[in-house]
Amino acid sequence: MNVSTAPHDATTRFTGLARIYDRFRPGYPAECLGWLADTLRLGASHQVADIGAGTGKMSEELVYQGIRTVAVEPNRDMLGILEAKAATTNLLTAVHATA
């Protein structure tokens, strides 16, 4: 994609591609998130924000570590998948907004 064909509104970049993105984009290594949680001493009493969360790849790993996560995503398609994931746990809240 060159600059002239790039979307002017970055929040629409993945419109229509959310399922493909969620299926094929690699997740984050649990070991890295475990290290981050340990280093920052994050746990159930903490809450973090995942800004530009997409379909929630990072958010899932944070929740797996027992960390309350607010996932902020501006793209409605990506948010739909994120909301489905949030419906499975009380540790994840999905929010439609821009940073």
N, C-alpha and C. Protein backbone atom coordinates (compact mmCIF):
# COMPACT_ATOMS: atom_id res chain seq x y z
N MET A 1 0.85 -1.17 0.00
CA MET A 1 0.00 0.00 0.00
C MET A 1 0.90 1.23 0.00
N ASN A 2 0.65 2.13 -0.90
CA ASN A 2 1.42 3.37 -0.89
C ASN A 2 0.64 4.45 -0.16
N VAL A 3 1.28 5.56 0.07
CA VAL A 3 0.66 6.63 0.86
C VAL A 3 -0.62 7.13 0.22
N SER A 4 -0.68 7.18 -1.08
CA SER A 4 -1.87 7.73 -1.73
C SER A 4 -3.09 6.82 -1.59
N THR A 5 -2.89 5.51 -1.36
CA THR A 5 -4.02 4.60 -1.20
C THR A 5 -4.28 4.22 0.25
N ALA A 6 -3.47 4.74 1.15
CA ALA A 6 -3.67 4.44 2.57
C ALA A 6 -4.94 5.12 3.06
N PRO A 7 -5.71 4.44 3.93
CA PRO A 7 -6.91 5.07 4.46
C PRO A 7 -6.56 6.33 5.25
N HIS A 8 -7.35 7.36 5.05
CA HIS A 8 -7.12 8.60 5.80
C HIS A 8 -7.50 8.42 7.26
N ASP A 9 -8.47 7.57 7.52
CA ASP A 9 -8.93 7.29 8.87
C ASP A 9 -8.39 5.93 9.29
N ALA A 10 -7.36 5.92 10.09
CA ALA A 10 -6.72 4.65 10.49
C ALA A 10 -7.67 3.73 11.24
N THR A 11 -8.74 4.27 11.81
CA THR A 11 -9.67 3.41 12.55
C THR A 11 -10.46 2.48 11.65
N THR A 12 -10.43 2.71 10.35
CA THR A 12 -11.16 1.84 9.42
C THR A 12 -10.24 0.85 8.71
N ARG A 13 -8.98 0.88 9.03
CA ARG A 13 -7.98 0.06 8.33
C ARG A 13 -8.35 -1.43 8.28
N PHE A 14 -8.92 -1.97 9.35
CA PHE A 14 -9.22 -3.40 9.39
C PHE A 14 -10.70 -3.72 9.22
N THR A 15 -11.48 -2.76 8.78
CA THR A 15 -12.90 -3.01 8.56
C THR A 15 -13.06 -4.13 7.53
N GLY A 16 -13.85 -5.12 7.89
CA GLY A 16 -14.07 -6.27 7.02
C GLY A 16 -13.00 -7.35 7.14
N LEU A 17 -11.99 -7.12 7.94
CA LEU A 17 -10.88 -8.07 8.06
C LEU A 17 -10.70 -8.62 9.48
N ALA A 18 -11.58 -8.29 10.38
CA ALA A 18 -11.40 -8.62 11.79
C ALA A 18 -11.26 -10.13 12.03
N ARG A 19 -12.09 -10.93 11.41
CA ARG A 19 -12.02 -12.39 11.64
C ARG A 19 -10.70 -12.96 11.12
N ILE A 20 -10.27 -12.49 9.97
CA ILE A 20 -8.99 -12.94 9.42
C ILE A 20 -7.85 -12.50 10.33
N TYR A 21 -7.90 -11.25 10.76
CA TYR A 21 -6.89 -10.70 11.66
C TYR A 21 -6.81 -11.55 12.93
N ASP A 22 -7.95 -11.82 13.53
CA ASP A 22 -7.97 -12.57 14.78
C ASP A 22 -7.47 -14.00 14.60
N ARG A 23 -7.78 -14.58 13.48
CA ARG A 23 -7.38 -15.98 13.23
C ARG A 23 -5.89 -16.12 12.95
N PHE A 24 -5.33 -15.20 12.18
CA PHE A 24 -3.97 -15.40 11.70
C PHE A 24 -2.91 -14.55 12.37
N ARG A 25 -3.28 -13.48 13.04
CA ARG A 25 -2.26 -12.66 13.70
C ARG A 25 -1.75 -13.42 14.92
N PRO A 26 -0.46 -13.58 15.04
CA PRO A 26 0.07 -14.28 16.21
C PRO A 26 -0.26 -13.54 17.50
N GLY A 27 -0.41 -14.30 18.55
CA GLY A 27 -0.64 -13.70 19.87
C GLY A 27 0.67 -13.30 20.51
N TYR A 28 0.60 -12.95 21.74
CA TYR A 28 1.78 -12.55 22.51
C TYR A 28 2.22 -13.73 23.37
N PRO A 29 3.50 -13.98 23.50
CA PRO A 29 3.97 -15.10 24.33
C PRO A 29 3.56 -14.91 25.79
N ALA A 30 2.94 -15.93 26.34
CA ALA A 30 2.49 -15.87 27.73
C ALA A 30 3.65 -15.59 28.67
N GLU A 31 4.83 -16.08 28.33
CA GLU A 31 6.00 -15.86 29.18
C GLU A 31 6.31 -14.37 29.30
N CYS A 32 6.16 -13.64 28.20
CA CYS A 32 6.42 -12.19 28.22
C CYS A 32 5.42 -11.47 29.12
N LEU A 33 4.14 -11.87 28.99
CA LEU A 33 3.12 -11.23 29.82
C LEU A 33 3.28 -11.62 31.28
N GLY A 34 3.70 -12.84 31.53
CA GLY A 34 3.98 -13.26 32.90
C GLY A 34 5.11 -12.45 33.50
N TRP A 35 6.16 -12.25 32.71
CA TRP A 35 7.30 -11.44 33.16
C TRP A 35 6.84 -10.01 33.45
N LEU A 36 6.04 -9.44 32.54
CA LEU A 36 5.54 -8.08 32.73
C LEU A 36 4.70 -7.97 34.01
N ALA A 37 3.80 -8.92 34.20
CA ALA A 37 2.95 -8.92 35.39
C ALA A 37 3.79 -9.04 36.66
N ASP A 38 4.78 -9.93 36.64
CA ASP A 38 5.65 -10.10 37.80
C ASP A 38 6.49 -8.85 38.06
N THR A 39 7.08 -8.30 37.01
CA THR A 39 7.95 -7.13 37.15
C THR A 39 7.19 -5.92 37.68
N LEU A 40 5.97 -5.72 37.18
CA LEU A 40 5.16 -4.57 37.61
C LEU A 40 4.28 -4.90 38.81
N ARG A 41 4.38 -6.15 39.27
CA ARG A 41 3.58 -6.62 40.40
C ARG A 41 2.08 -6.41 40.17
N LEU A 42 1.65 -6.78 38.97
CA LEU A 42 0.24 -6.64 38.60
C LEU A 42 -0.52 -7.89 39.01
N GLY A 43 -1.73 -7.69 39.46
CA GLY A 43 -2.56 -8.81 39.86
C GLY A 43 -4.02 -8.44 39.83
N ALA A 44 -4.83 -9.22 40.51
CA ALA A 44 -6.28 -9.05 40.49
C ALA A 44 -6.73 -7.69 41.03
N SER A 45 -5.92 -7.05 41.85
CA SER A 45 -6.32 -5.75 42.40
C SER A 45 -5.97 -4.59 41.47
N HIS A 46 -5.36 -4.89 40.33
CA HIS A 46 -4.96 -3.85 39.38
C HIS A 46 -5.84 -3.86 38.14
N GLN A 47 -5.82 -2.76 37.44
CA GLN A 47 -6.54 -2.65 36.17
C GLN A 47 -5.63 -1.96 35.17
N VAL A 48 -5.59 -2.49 33.96
CA VAL A 48 -4.77 -1.89 32.91
C VAL A 48 -5.65 -1.58 31.71
N ALA A 49 -5.16 -0.69 30.85
CA ALA A 49 -5.86 -0.36 29.62
C ALA A 49 -5.05 -0.86 28.44
N ASP A 50 -5.71 -1.52 27.53
CA ASP A 50 -5.10 -1.96 26.27
C ASP A 50 -5.68 -1.03 25.20
N ILE A 51 -4.90 -0.04 24.82
CA ILE A 51 -5.36 0.98 23.86
C ILE A 51 -5.08 0.50 22.44
N GLY A 52 -6.10 0.58 21.59
CA GLY A 52 -5.96 0.02 20.24
C GLY A 52 -5.89 -1.48 20.31
N ALA A 53 -6.81 -2.06 21.07
CA ALA A 53 -6.76 -3.48 21.43
C ALA A 53 -7.02 -4.44 20.28
N GLY A 54 -7.54 -3.95 19.18
CA GLY A 54 -7.85 -4.85 18.07
C GLY A 54 -8.87 -5.89 18.50
N THR A 55 -8.56 -7.14 18.24
CA THR A 55 -9.48 -8.22 18.63
C THR A 55 -9.17 -8.77 20.02
N GLY A 56 -8.22 -8.15 20.70
CA GLY A 56 -7.96 -8.51 22.08
C GLY A 56 -6.86 -9.52 22.32
N LYS A 57 -5.91 -9.63 21.41
CA LYS A 57 -4.82 -10.60 21.59
C LYS A 57 -4.03 -10.32 22.88
N MET A 58 -3.65 -9.07 23.09
CA MET A 58 -2.92 -8.70 24.31
C MET A 58 -3.85 -8.80 25.53
N SER A 59 -5.06 -8.33 25.37
CA SER A 59 -6.03 -8.35 26.47
C SER A 59 -6.25 -9.76 26.99
N GLU A 60 -6.35 -10.73 26.09
CA GLU A 60 -6.54 -12.12 26.49
C GLU A 60 -5.40 -12.59 27.40
N GLU A 61 -4.19 -12.25 27.04
CA GLU A 61 -3.04 -12.67 27.83
C GLU A 61 -3.02 -11.97 29.19
N LEU A 62 -3.40 -10.70 29.22
CA LEU A 62 -3.47 -9.98 30.50
C LEU A 62 -4.51 -10.62 31.41
N VAL A 63 -5.66 -10.94 30.85
CA VAL A 63 -6.73 -11.59 31.61
C VAL A 63 -6.27 -12.95 32.11
N TYR A 64 -5.55 -13.68 31.26
CA TYR A 64 -5.01 -14.98 31.66
C TYR A 64 -4.10 -14.84 32.88
N GLN A 65 -3.43 -13.70 32.99
CA GLN A 65 -2.57 -13.43 34.15
C GLN A 65 -3.39 -12.97 35.37
N GLY A 66 -4.71 -12.87 35.20
CA GLY A 66 -5.59 -12.46 36.30
C GLY A 66 -5.70 -10.96 36.46
N ILE A 67 -5.36 -10.21 35.43
CA ILE A 67 -5.36 -8.74 35.50
C ILE A 67 -6.62 -8.19 34.84
N ARG A 68 -7.34 -7.34 35.57
CA ARG A 68 -8.51 -6.67 35.01
C ARG A 68 -8.04 -5.77 33.87
N THR A 69 -8.70 -5.88 32.73
CA THR A 69 -8.27 -5.16 31.54
C THR A 69 -9.44 -4.44 30.89
N VAL A 70 -9.22 -3.17 30.57
CA VAL A 70 -10.16 -2.40 29.77
C VAL A 70 -9.53 -2.28 28.39
N ALA A 71 -10.18 -2.87 27.41
CA ALA A 71 -9.66 -2.88 26.04
C ALA A 71 -10.40 -1.84 25.22
N VAL A 72 -9.66 -0.87 24.70
CA VAL A 72 -10.23 0.24 23.94
C VAL A 72 -9.94 0.02 22.46
N GLU A 73 -10.99 0.01 21.64
CA GLU A 73 -10.82 -0.24 20.20
C GLU A 73 -11.78 0.64 19.40
N PRO A 74 -11.26 1.39 18.41
CA PRO A 74 -12.12 2.27 17.63
C PRO A 74 -12.81 1.60 16.44
N ASN A 75 -12.34 0.45 15.97
CA ASN A 75 -12.90 -0.18 14.79
C ASN A 75 -14.04 -1.11 15.20
N ARG A 76 -15.22 -0.87 14.66
CA ARG A 76 -16.42 -1.65 15.05
C ARG A 76 -16.27 -3.14 14.76
N ASP A 77 -15.66 -3.51 13.64
CA ASP A 77 -15.48 -4.95 13.33
C ASP A 77 -14.57 -5.62 14.34
N MET A 78 -13.45 -4.99 14.62
CA MET A 78 -12.51 -5.54 15.60
C MET A 78 -13.19 -5.59 16.98
N LEU A 79 -13.92 -4.55 17.29
CA LEU A 79 -14.61 -4.47 18.58
C LEU A 79 -15.61 -5.62 18.75
N GLY A 80 -16.27 -6.01 17.67
CA GLY A 80 -17.24 -7.10 17.76
C GLY A 80 -16.61 -8.39 18.28
N ILE A 81 -15.44 -8.71 17.78
CA ILE A 81 -14.73 -9.91 18.24
C ILE A 81 -14.25 -9.71 19.67
N LEU A 82 -13.76 -8.54 19.96
CA LEU A 82 -13.31 -8.21 21.32
C LEU A 82 -14.46 -8.32 22.32
N GLU A 83 -15.63 -7.82 21.95
CA GLU A 83 -16.80 -7.90 22.84
C GLU A 83 -17.21 -9.35 23.10
N ALA A 84 -17.10 -10.20 22.09
CA ALA A 84 -17.42 -11.62 22.28
C ALA A 84 -16.47 -12.25 23.30
N LYS A 85 -15.21 -11.87 23.24
CA LYS A 85 -14.24 -12.37 24.21
C LYS A 85 -14.53 -11.82 25.61
N ALA A 86 -14.91 -10.56 25.67
CA ALA A 86 -15.22 -9.93 26.96
C ALA A 86 -16.43 -10.58 27.62
N ALA A 87 -17.34 -11.09 26.81
CA ALA A 87 -18.55 -11.72 27.35
C ALA A 87 -18.24 -13.02 28.08
N THR A 88 -17.03 -13.55 27.92
CA THR A 88 -16.69 -14.82 28.55
C THR A 88 -15.98 -14.67 29.89
N THR A 89 -15.70 -13.42 30.30
CA THR A 89 -14.99 -13.19 31.56
C THR A 89 -15.37 -11.84 32.16
N ASN A 90 -15.35 -11.77 33.48
CA ASN A 90 -15.61 -10.48 34.12
C ASN A 90 -14.32 -9.66 34.29
N LEU A 91 -13.20 -10.16 33.81
CA LEU A 91 -11.93 -9.44 33.91
C LEU A 91 -11.66 -8.55 32.70
N LEU A 92 -12.50 -8.66 31.67
CA LEU A 92 -12.26 -7.90 30.44
C LEU A 92 -13.47 -7.04 30.11
N THR A 93 -13.22 -5.76 29.88
CA THR A 93 -14.24 -4.82 29.46
C THR A 93 -13.83 -4.24 28.12
N ALA A 94 -14.72 -4.31 27.14
CA ALA A 94 -14.44 -3.76 25.81
C ALA A 94 -15.13 -2.40 25.68
N VAL A 95 -14.38 -1.43 25.16
CA VAL A 95 -14.89 -0.06 25.03
C VAL A 95 -14.66 0.42 23.60
N HIS A 96 -15.70 0.97 22.99
CA HIS A 96 -15.55 1.56 21.66
C HIS A 96 -15.15 3.02 21.84
N ALA A 97 -13.92 3.35 21.47
CA ALA A 97 -13.43 4.72 21.58
C ALA A 97 -12.10 4.83 20.87
N THR A 98 -11.68 6.07 20.64
CA THR A 98 -10.34 6.31 20.14
C THR A 98 -9.49 6.77 21.31
N ALA A 99 -8.20 6.62 21.16
CA ALA A 99 -7.29 7.06 22.24
C ALA A 99 -7.17 8.56 22.17
